[in-house]
Amino acid sequence: MVFTIGNSMRGDDGLGPLLSEQLYEKLIKVTDKSTDGVYLLNTESAPENHTLEIRNLNPSHMIIIDAVEFEAEPGEMLLIDKEQIDTFNISTHSMPISFLINYIGETIGSKIITIGIQPKQMELINVISDEVKESVEELTDMIVELV
């Protein structure tokens, strides 16, 4: 399962929905790969509202992707260890993502990878910076290769 988080009306926080769209387009239209067995879940800014859906799908693996402030160059990606997740300022959602990760791990047992992308700006604007767009494209291509 690829689990994206973000609000497309808050600048680079919209990277989650963008990645989900691009991934779907590339899997279906470019590579002719099916999304069978690969679930794309764009949770926007309320990932906690999708716990029932996650339980029902029961994924063995999850890749969680979100905008994360980790004081790096805009667009830089970071693989975030489960134990470190609380040390980062993650996106604009209300519930800490660590709660969701712990819940999924305890109730479903999915193996979870969390990838953060450093935003450039997260103001109320529906434009994603070029740096973040490039990272989204790169990450999309990596995921397409994996599946």
Protein backbone atom coordinates (compact mmCIF):
# COMPACT_ATOMS: atom_id res chain seq x y z
CA MET A 1 0.00 0.00 0.00
CA VAL A 2 1.19 3.48 -0.85
CA PHE A 3 -0.33 5.83 1.70
CA THR A 4 -0.02 9.53 0.86
CA ILE A 5 -0.83 12.43 3.14
CA GLY A 6 -1.25 16.10 2.31
CA ASN A 7 -3.42 19.09 1.61
CA SER A 8 -3.20 20.35 -1.98
CA MET A 9 -4.30 23.82 -0.86
CA ARG A 10 -1.20 24.25 1.34
CA GLY A 11 1.65 24.49 -1.11
CA ASP A 12 4.18 21.69 -0.83
CA ASP A 13 1.96 19.82 1.61
CA GLY A 14 0.10 18.82 -1.57
CA LEU A 15 2.93 16.47 -2.50
CA GLY A 16 0.96 13.49 -1.19
CA PRO A 17 -2.04 13.90 -3.48
CA LEU A 18 0.29 14.75 -6.39
CA LEU A 19 2.36 11.61 -5.85
CA SER A 20 -0.77 9.48 -5.64
CA GLU A 21 -2.06 10.89 -8.95
CA GLN A 22 1.29 10.47 -10.71
CA LEU A 23 1.75 6.96 -9.40
CA TYR A 24 -1.67 5.91 -10.65
CA GLU A 25 -1.03 7.49 -14.05
CA LYS A 26 2.36 5.80 -14.45
CA LEU A 27 1.23 2.39 -13.25
CA ILE A 28 -1.83 2.27 -15.48
CA LYS A 29 -1.10 4.43 -18.51
CA VAL A 30 2.66 4.34 -18.93
CA THR A 31 3.78 0.88 -17.86
CA ASP A 32 0.50 -0.99 -18.34
CA LYS A 33 1.06 -2.45 -14.90
CA SER A 34 -2.03 -3.24 -12.93
CA THR A 35 -2.59 -1.80 -9.49
CA ASP A 36 -3.84 -5.24 -8.38
CA GLY A 37 -2.23 -5.91 -5.04
CA VAL A 38 -0.87 -2.35 -4.84
CA TYR A 39 -3.28 -0.08 -3.06
CA LEU A 40 -2.99 3.68 -3.53
CA LEU A 41 -4.58 5.53 -0.64
CA ASN A 42 -4.57 9.33 -0.77
CA THR A 43 -5.69 10.36 2.71
CA GLU A 44 -5.33 14.10 2.14
CA SER A 45 -4.99 15.82 5.54
CA ALA A 46 -6.90 13.27 7.65
CA PRO A 47 -5.02 9.96 7.57
CA GLU A 48 -6.63 8.89 10.83
CA ASN A 49 -10.00 8.67 9.02
CA HIS A 50 -8.75 5.74 6.95
CA THR A 51 -7.94 3.17 9.64
CA LEU A 52 -10.96 0.96 8.83
CA GLU A 53 -10.04 0.95 5.15
CA ILE A 54 -6.46 -0.01 6.02
CA ARG A 55 -7.65 -2.82 8.30
CA ASN A 56 -9.99 -4.13 5.59
CA LEU A 57 -7.25 -4.10 2.95
CA ASN A 58 -4.78 -5.64 5.42
CA PRO A 59 -1.59 -4.68 3.54
CA SER A 60 1.58 -6.59 4.30
CA HIS A 61 3.67 -3.49 3.56
CA MET A 62 2.98 0.24 3.60
CA ILE A 63 4.90 3.20 2.28
CA ILE A 64 3.75 6.39 4.00
CA ILE A 65 4.70 9.61 2.22
CA ASP A 66 4.26 13.11 3.64
CA ALA A 67 5.78 16.58 3.75
CA VAL A 68 8.19 16.68 6.69
CA GLU A 69 10.13 19.62 8.09
CA PHE A 70 13.63 18.34 8.86
CA GLU A 71 15.68 21.45 8.13
CA ALA A 72 17.07 20.27 4.79
CA GLU A 73 17.05 21.65 1.28
CA PRO A 74 13.57 21.79 -0.29
CA GLY A 75 12.75 18.54 -2.05
CA GLU A 76 15.25 16.46 -0.09
CA MET A 77 13.89 13.04 0.87
CA LEU A 78 14.40 11.24 4.17
CA LEU A 79 13.64 7.68 5.19
CA ILE A 80 12.30 8.11 8.71
CA ASP A 81 12.81 5.43 11.31
CA LYS A 82 9.75 4.56 13.41
CA GLU A 83 11.56 5.55 16.60
CA GLN A 84 12.44 8.98 15.17
CA ILE A 85 9.03 9.92 13.79
CA ASP A 86 8.06 12.04 16.80
CA THR A 87 11.12 14.27 16.37
CA PHE A 88 9.89 15.71 13.07
CA ASN A 89 7.22 18.28 12.28
CA ILE A 90 5.04 16.34 9.90
CA SER A 91 2.50 17.93 7.57
CA THR A 92 -0.65 19.75 8.59
CA HIS A 93 -2.81 16.95 9.94
CA SER A 94 -4.04 17.07 13.51
CA MET A 95 -3.13 13.64 14.86
CA PRO A 96 0.57 12.77 15.14
CA ILE A 97 1.47 10.28 12.43
CA SER A 98 3.33 8.20 15.03
CA PHE A 99 -0.03 7.28 16.62
CA LEU A 100 -1.27 5.98 13.28
CA ILE A 101 1.95 4.07 12.60
CA ASN A 102 1.84 2.44 16.03
CA TYR A 103 -1.84 1.58 15.62
CA ILE A 104 -1.29 -0.01 12.21
CA GLY A 105 1.74 -1.91 13.47
CA GLU A 106 -0.11 -3.26 16.51
CA THR A 107 -3.46 -4.10 14.88
CA ILE A 108 -2.44 -5.19 11.39
CA GLY A 109 1.26 -5.91 11.63
CA SER A 110 2.13 -4.19 8.34
CA LYS A 111 5.77 -3.42 7.70
CA ILE A 112 5.88 0.36 7.39
CA ILE A 113 8.33 2.66 5.64
CA THR A 114 7.88 6.39 6.14
CA ILE A 115 9.36 8.81 3.61
CA GLY A 116 9.41 12.52 4.25
CA ILE A 117 10.03 15.22 1.68
CA GLN A 118 11.28 18.61 2.86
CA PRO A 119 8.78 21.29 1.82
CA LYS A 120 9.83 24.71 0.57
CA GLN A 121 6.57 26.44 1.45
CA MET A 122 3.28 25.39 3.04
CA GLU A 123 1.24 28.57 2.88
CA LEU A 124 -2.36 28.65 1.66
CA ILE A 125 -1.56 28.33 -2.03
CA ASN A 126 -2.28 25.49 -4.43
CA VAL A 127 1.15 25.51 -6.08
CA ILE A 128 3.88 23.00 -5.37
CA SER A 129 7.48 24.19 -5.63
CA ASP A 130 9.68 22.90 -8.46
CA GLU A 131 12.07 21.26 -5.98
CA VAL A 132 9.30 19.21 -4.41
CA LYS A 133 7.75 18.35 -7.80
CA GLU A 134 11.12 16.92 -8.89
CA SER A 135 11.31 14.78 -5.75
CA VAL A 136 7.75 13.56 -6.24
CA GLU A 137 8.59 12.52 -9.81
CA GLU A 138 11.76 10.75 -8.66
CA LEU A 139 9.95 8.92 -5.85
CA THR A 140 7.09 7.98 -8.18
CA ASP A 141 9.57 6.39 -10.61
CA MET A 142 11.25 4.48 -7.76
CA ILE A 143 7.93 3.07 -6.56
CA VAL A 144 6.88 2.08 -10.09
CA GLU A 145 10.16 0.16 -10.42
CA LEU A 146 9.55 -1.61 -7.09
CA VAL A 147 6.10 -2.86 -8.02
